[in-house]
Amino acid sequence: MVKFERYPHVNDIINHYISSLERSDIKDIIKDGIKDKDQAEIFSRFIWDMVEAINEDEENNVIVMGSSDNTEMLPDISYEVTKLMKSKGFYSVWESVSKDEMK
């Protein structure tokens, strides 16, 4: 199971976007944990899709978790996902996907 402890609101925002982006595959990864490199990449790409959705929601004044601007959570998301990927041995996957997504 993937559960973020230092910034528990990261769990809430991820669960919101699992639902709004209709990503049952990510729900399964959260429930069962990241088990291999492929799942690490899928999860990493979802995080970047979620960041894009957070920015779009902010631009469109969509209220998510009581706020129209959740961009202040981005550093917390980055911290938690980086820590997770390092602990699971998939930091290189997260780093590679992040470099790819920032192009």
N, C-alpha and C. Protein backbone atom coordinates (compact mmCIF):
# COMPACT_ATOMS: atom_id res chain seq x y z
N MET A 1 0.84 -1.19 0.00
CA MET A 1 0.00 0.00 0.00
C MET A 1 0.88 1.25 0.00
N VAL A 2 0.48 2.20 -0.82
CA VAL A 2 1.18 3.47 -0.87
C VAL A 2 0.41 4.45 0.02
N LYS A 3 1.09 4.94 1.05
CA LYS A 3 0.47 5.93 1.93
C LYS A 3 1.52 6.93 2.34
N PHE A 4 1.22 8.19 2.11
CA PHE A 4 2.16 9.24 2.43
C PHE A 4 1.90 9.75 3.84
N GLU A 5 2.97 9.87 4.61
CA GLU A 5 2.85 10.18 6.03
C GLU A 5 3.17 11.64 6.37
N ARG A 6 4.25 12.16 5.82
CA ARG A 6 4.66 13.52 6.21
C ARG A 6 3.63 14.55 5.78
N TYR A 7 3.13 14.41 4.55
CA TYR A 7 2.12 15.33 4.03
C TYR A 7 0.89 14.51 3.65
N PRO A 8 0.05 14.18 4.63
CA PRO A 8 -1.09 13.29 4.34
C PRO A 8 -2.08 13.85 3.33
N HIS A 9 -2.10 15.17 3.15
CA HIS A 9 -3.00 15.74 2.14
C HIS A 9 -2.63 15.29 0.73
N VAL A 10 -1.41 14.82 0.54
CA VAL A 10 -1.00 14.29 -0.77
C VAL A 10 -1.84 13.05 -1.10
N ASN A 11 -2.15 12.23 -0.09
CA ASN A 11 -3.03 11.08 -0.32
C ASN A 11 -4.39 11.55 -0.84
N ASP A 12 -4.91 12.61 -0.23
CA ASP A 12 -6.24 13.12 -0.61
C ASP A 12 -6.25 13.65 -2.04
N ILE A 13 -5.24 14.41 -2.40
CA ILE A 13 -5.23 15.00 -3.74
C ILE A 13 -5.03 13.91 -4.79
N ILE A 14 -4.19 12.93 -4.49
CA ILE A 14 -4.00 11.82 -5.43
C ILE A 14 -5.31 11.05 -5.60
N ASN A 15 -5.99 10.77 -4.51
CA ASN A 15 -7.26 10.06 -4.61
C ASN A 15 -8.30 10.84 -5.40
N HIS A 16 -8.31 12.16 -5.23
CA HIS A 16 -9.23 12.99 -6.01
C HIS A 16 -8.95 12.82 -7.51
N TYR A 17 -7.68 12.92 -7.89
CA TYR A 17 -7.36 12.85 -9.32
C TYR A 17 -7.40 11.43 -9.87
N ILE A 18 -7.24 10.42 -9.04
CA ILE A 18 -7.50 9.05 -9.49
C ILE A 18 -8.93 8.97 -9.98
N SER A 19 -9.83 9.55 -9.21
CA SER A 19 -11.25 9.54 -9.56
C SER A 19 -11.54 10.43 -10.76
N SER A 20 -11.09 11.68 -10.72
CA SER A 20 -11.46 12.61 -11.79
C SER A 20 -10.80 12.26 -13.12
N LEU A 21 -9.62 11.64 -13.08
CA LEU A 21 -8.95 11.23 -14.32
C LEU A 21 -9.29 9.78 -14.69
N GLU A 22 -10.16 9.17 -13.87
CA GLU A 22 -10.63 7.80 -14.12
C GLU A 22 -9.47 6.82 -14.31
N ARG A 23 -8.63 6.74 -13.28
CA ARG A 23 -7.43 5.91 -13.33
C ARG A 23 -7.51 4.77 -12.32
N SER A 24 -8.32 3.78 -12.62
CA SER A 24 -8.44 2.63 -11.72
C SER A 24 -7.11 1.87 -11.61
N ASP A 25 -6.28 1.96 -12.65
CA ASP A 25 -4.96 1.31 -12.58
C ASP A 25 -4.12 1.91 -11.45
N ILE A 26 -4.22 3.21 -11.26
CA ILE A 26 -3.46 3.88 -10.21
C ILE A 26 -4.05 3.52 -8.84
N LYS A 27 -5.36 3.41 -8.79
CA LYS A 27 -6.01 2.98 -7.54
C LYS A 27 -5.47 1.62 -7.11
N ASP A 28 -5.30 0.71 -8.07
CA ASP A 28 -4.75 -0.62 -7.78
C ASP A 28 -3.30 -0.53 -7.31
N ILE A 29 -2.51 0.34 -7.94
CA ILE A 29 -1.11 0.51 -7.53
C ILE A 29 -1.04 1.07 -6.11
N ILE A 30 -1.90 2.03 -5.80
CA ILE A 30 -1.94 2.60 -4.44
C ILE A 30 -2.30 1.50 -3.43
N LYS A 31 -3.27 0.68 -3.78
CA LYS A 31 -3.73 -0.39 -2.87
C LYS A 31 -2.66 -1.46 -2.67
N ASP A 32 -2.02 -1.88 -3.76
CA ASP A 32 -1.10 -3.01 -3.72
C ASP A 32 0.37 -2.62 -3.58
N GLY A 33 0.70 -1.36 -3.80
CA GLY A 33 2.09 -0.92 -3.77
C GLY A 33 2.75 -1.04 -5.13
N ILE A 34 3.83 -0.34 -5.29
CA ILE A 34 4.60 -0.37 -6.55
C ILE A 34 5.52 -1.59 -6.50
N LYS A 35 5.31 -2.50 -7.43
CA LYS A 35 6.02 -3.78 -7.38
C LYS A 35 7.14 -3.93 -8.42
N ASP A 36 7.07 -3.14 -9.49
CA ASP A 36 8.09 -3.29 -10.53
C ASP A 36 8.30 -1.97 -11.27
N LYS A 37 9.26 -2.01 -12.17
CA LYS A 37 9.65 -0.81 -12.92
C LYS A 37 8.50 -0.28 -13.77
N ASP A 38 7.72 -1.16 -14.37
CA ASP A 38 6.59 -0.73 -15.19
C ASP A 38 5.56 0.03 -14.36
N GLN A 39 5.24 -0.50 -13.19
CA GLN A 39 4.30 0.19 -12.31
C GLN A 39 4.87 1.52 -11.84
N ALA A 40 6.16 1.56 -11.58
CA ALA A 40 6.80 2.81 -11.17
C ALA A 40 6.67 3.86 -12.26
N GLU A 41 6.83 3.44 -13.50
CA GLU A 41 6.70 4.39 -14.61
C GLU A 41 5.25 4.84 -14.78
N ILE A 42 4.30 3.91 -14.69
CA ILE A 42 2.88 4.26 -14.80
C ILE A 42 2.50 5.25 -13.71
N PHE A 43 2.92 4.98 -12.48
CA PHE A 43 2.61 5.87 -11.37
C PHE A 43 3.27 7.24 -11.56
N SER A 44 4.51 7.25 -12.00
CA SER A 44 5.23 8.51 -12.23
C SER A 44 4.54 9.35 -13.30
N ARG A 45 4.14 8.72 -14.38
CA ARG A 45 3.43 9.46 -15.45
C ARG A 45 2.08 9.97 -14.95
N PHE A 46 1.40 9.18 -14.12
CA PHE A 46 0.15 9.66 -13.53
C PHE A 46 0.40 10.91 -12.69
N ILE A 47 1.45 10.91 -11.91
CA ILE A 47 1.74 12.09 -11.07
C ILE A 47 1.89 13.33 -11.96
N TRP A 48 2.57 13.20 -13.07
CA TRP A 48 2.72 14.34 -13.97
C TRP A 48 1.39 14.72 -14.64
N ASP A 49 0.56 13.73 -14.97
CA ASP A 49 -0.79 14.02 -15.48
C ASP A 49 -1.60 14.76 -14.43
N MET A 50 -1.44 14.35 -13.18
CA MET A 50 -2.14 14.99 -12.08
C MET A 50 -1.68 16.44 -11.91
N VAL A 51 -0.39 16.67 -12.01
CA VAL A 51 0.14 18.04 -11.90
C VAL A 51 -0.47 18.92 -13.00
N GLU A 52 -0.55 18.39 -14.20
CA GLU A 52 -1.17 19.13 -15.30
C GLU A 52 -2.64 19.42 -14.98
N ALA A 53 -3.35 18.44 -14.44
CA ALA A 53 -4.77 18.63 -14.08
C ALA A 53 -4.92 19.66 -12.95
N ILE A 54 -4.00 19.64 -11.99
CA ILE A 54 -4.03 20.64 -10.91
C ILE A 54 -3.90 22.03 -11.51
N ASN A 55 -2.96 22.20 -12.44
CA ASN A 55 -2.77 23.51 -13.08
C ASN A 55 -3.98 23.91 -13.90
N GLU A 56 -4.56 22.97 -14.65
CA GLU A 56 -5.76 23.27 -15.44
C GLU A 56 -6.93 23.65 -14.54
N ASP A 57 -7.10 22.92 -13.44
CA ASP A 57 -8.19 23.24 -12.51
C ASP A 57 -8.01 24.63 -11.93
N GLU A 58 -6.77 24.99 -11.62
CA GLU A 58 -6.50 26.33 -11.08
C GLU A 58 -6.84 27.39 -12.13
N GLU A 59 -6.43 27.18 -13.37
CA GLU A 59 -6.72 28.14 -14.44
C GLU A 59 -8.21 28.29 -14.70
N ASN A 60 -8.97 27.21 -14.49
CA ASN A 60 -10.41 27.21 -14.75
C ASN A 60 -11.26 27.44 -13.49
N ASN A 61 -10.60 27.81 -12.39
CA ASN A 61 -11.27 28.07 -11.12
C ASN A 61 -12.14 26.91 -10.65
N VAL A 62 -11.66 25.69 -10.86
CA VAL A 62 -12.36 24.50 -10.39
C VAL A 62 -11.96 24.28 -8.91
N ILE A 63 -12.96 24.10 -8.07
CA ILE A 63 -12.72 23.88 -6.65
C ILE A 63 -12.41 22.40 -6.41
N VAL A 64 -11.24 22.15 -5.85
CA VAL A 64 -10.81 20.80 -5.50
C VAL A 64 -10.34 20.85 -4.05
N MET A 65 -10.92 20.00 -3.24
CA MET A 65 -10.57 19.96 -1.82
C MET A 65 -10.71 21.34 -1.17
N GLY A 66 -11.74 22.06 -1.55
CA GLY A 66 -12.03 23.34 -0.94
C GLY A 66 -11.23 24.52 -1.47
N SER A 67 -10.41 24.30 -2.49
CA SER A 67 -9.57 25.38 -3.01
C SER A 67 -9.58 25.38 -4.54
N SER A 68 -9.49 26.58 -5.11
CA SER A 68 -9.38 26.68 -6.57
C SER A 68 -7.91 26.69 -7.00
N ASP A 69 -6.99 26.71 -6.04
CA ASP A 69 -5.56 26.72 -6.37
C ASP A 69 -4.82 25.76 -5.43
N ASN A 70 -4.57 24.58 -5.94
CA ASN A 70 -3.84 23.57 -5.17
C ASN A 70 -2.38 23.46 -5.60
N THR A 71 -1.91 24.45 -6.36
CA THR A 71 -0.52 24.40 -6.81
C THR A 71 0.47 24.48 -5.65
N GLU A 72 0.01 25.01 -4.50
CA GLU A 72 0.91 25.07 -3.34
C GLU A 72 1.25 23.66 -2.82
N MET A 73 0.51 22.65 -3.25
CA MET A 73 0.79 21.27 -2.85
C MET A 73 1.90 20.63 -3.69
N LEU A 74 2.28 21.24 -4.79
CA LEU A 74 3.24 20.61 -5.69
C LEU A 74 4.56 20.25 -5.01
N PRO A 75 5.15 21.14 -4.18
CA PRO A 75 6.39 20.72 -3.49
C PRO A 75 6.18 19.51 -2.56
N ASP A 76 5.02 19.46 -1.91
CA ASP A 76 4.73 18.32 -1.02
C ASP A 76 4.60 17.03 -1.83
N ILE A 77 3.95 17.12 -2.97
CA ILE A 77 3.80 15.96 -3.85
C ILE A 77 5.18 15.49 -4.31
N SER A 78 6.00 16.43 -4.73
CA SER A 78 7.34 16.08 -5.18
C SER A 78 8.15 15.40 -4.08
N TYR A 79 8.09 15.96 -2.88
CA TYR A 79 8.81 15.37 -1.74
C TYR A 79 8.36 13.93 -1.50
N GLU A 80 7.04 13.73 -1.41
CA GLU A 80 6.50 12.41 -1.07
C GLU A 80 6.79 11.38 -2.16
N VAL A 81 6.62 11.77 -3.42
CA VAL A 81 6.85 10.81 -4.51
C VAL A 81 8.34 10.49 -4.62
N THR A 82 9.19 11.49 -4.47
CA THR A 82 10.63 11.24 -4.51
C THR A 82 11.04 10.29 -3.39
N LYS A 83 10.55 10.53 -2.17
CA LYS A 83 10.86 9.67 -1.03
C LYS A 83 10.36 8.24 -1.28
N LEU A 84 9.14 8.11 -1.81
CA LEU A 84 8.58 6.79 -2.12
C LEU A 84 9.45 6.05 -3.13
N MET A 85 9.78 6.73 -4.22
CA MET A 85 10.55 6.07 -5.28
C MET A 85 11.94 5.68 -4.80
N LYS A 86 12.55 6.50 -3.98
CA LYS A 86 13.86 6.13 -3.41
C LYS A 86 13.72 4.90 -2.53
N SER A 87 12.69 4.85 -1.70
CA SER A 87 12.53 3.72 -0.77
C SER A 87 12.21 2.42 -1.50
N LYS A 88 11.57 2.51 -2.66
CA LYS A 88 11.22 1.31 -3.44
C LYS A 88 12.29 0.92 -4.44
N GLY A 89 13.32 1.77 -4.59
CA GLY A 89 14.39 1.47 -5.53
C GLY A 89 14.10 1.90 -6.96
N PHE A 90 13.12 2.79 -7.13
CA PHE A 90 12.72 3.23 -8.47
C PHE A 90 12.94 4.71 -8.69
N TYR A 91 13.87 5.29 -7.94
CA TYR A 91 14.12 6.73 -8.10
C TYR A 91 14.57 7.07 -9.51
N SER A 92 15.36 6.20 -10.13
CA SER A 92 15.83 6.47 -11.49
C SER A 92 14.66 6.53 -12.48
N VAL A 93 13.62 5.75 -12.23
CA VAL A 93 12.42 5.79 -13.08
C VAL A 93 11.73 7.14 -12.91
N TRP A 94 11.52 7.55 -11.67
CA TRP A 94 10.89 8.85 -11.38
C TRP A 94 11.69 9.99 -12.00
N GLU A 95 13.00 9.93 -11.85
CA GLU A 95 13.87 10.98 -12.40
C GLU A 95 13.78 11.01 -13.93
N SER A 96 13.80 9.85 -14.56
CA SER A 96 13.72 9.76 -16.02
C SER A 96 12.39 10.29 -16.53
N VAL A 97 11.29 9.85 -15.92
CA VAL A 97 9.96 10.32 -16.33
C VAL A 97 9.85 11.84 -16.12
N SER A 98 10.37 12.32 -15.01
CA SER A 98 10.30 13.76 -14.72
C SER A 98 11.07 14.57 -15.75
N LYS A 99 12.26 14.11 -16.11
CA LYS A 99 13.02 14.81 -17.14
C LYS A 99 12.27 14.81 -18.46
N ASP A 100 11.68 13.68 -18.79
CA ASP A 100 10.91 13.54 -20.02
C ASP A 100 9.70 14.48 -20.02
N GLU A 101 9.00 14.56 -18.91
CA GLU A 101 7.79 15.38 -18.81
C GLU A 101 8.09 16.87 -18.79
N MET A 102 9.26 17.25 -18.35
CA MET A 102 9.61 18.68 -18.27
C MET A 102 10.16 19.25 -19.56
N LYS A 103 10.26 18.43 -20.59
CA LYS A 103 10.76 18.92 -21.89
C LYS A 103 9.73 19.78 -22.57
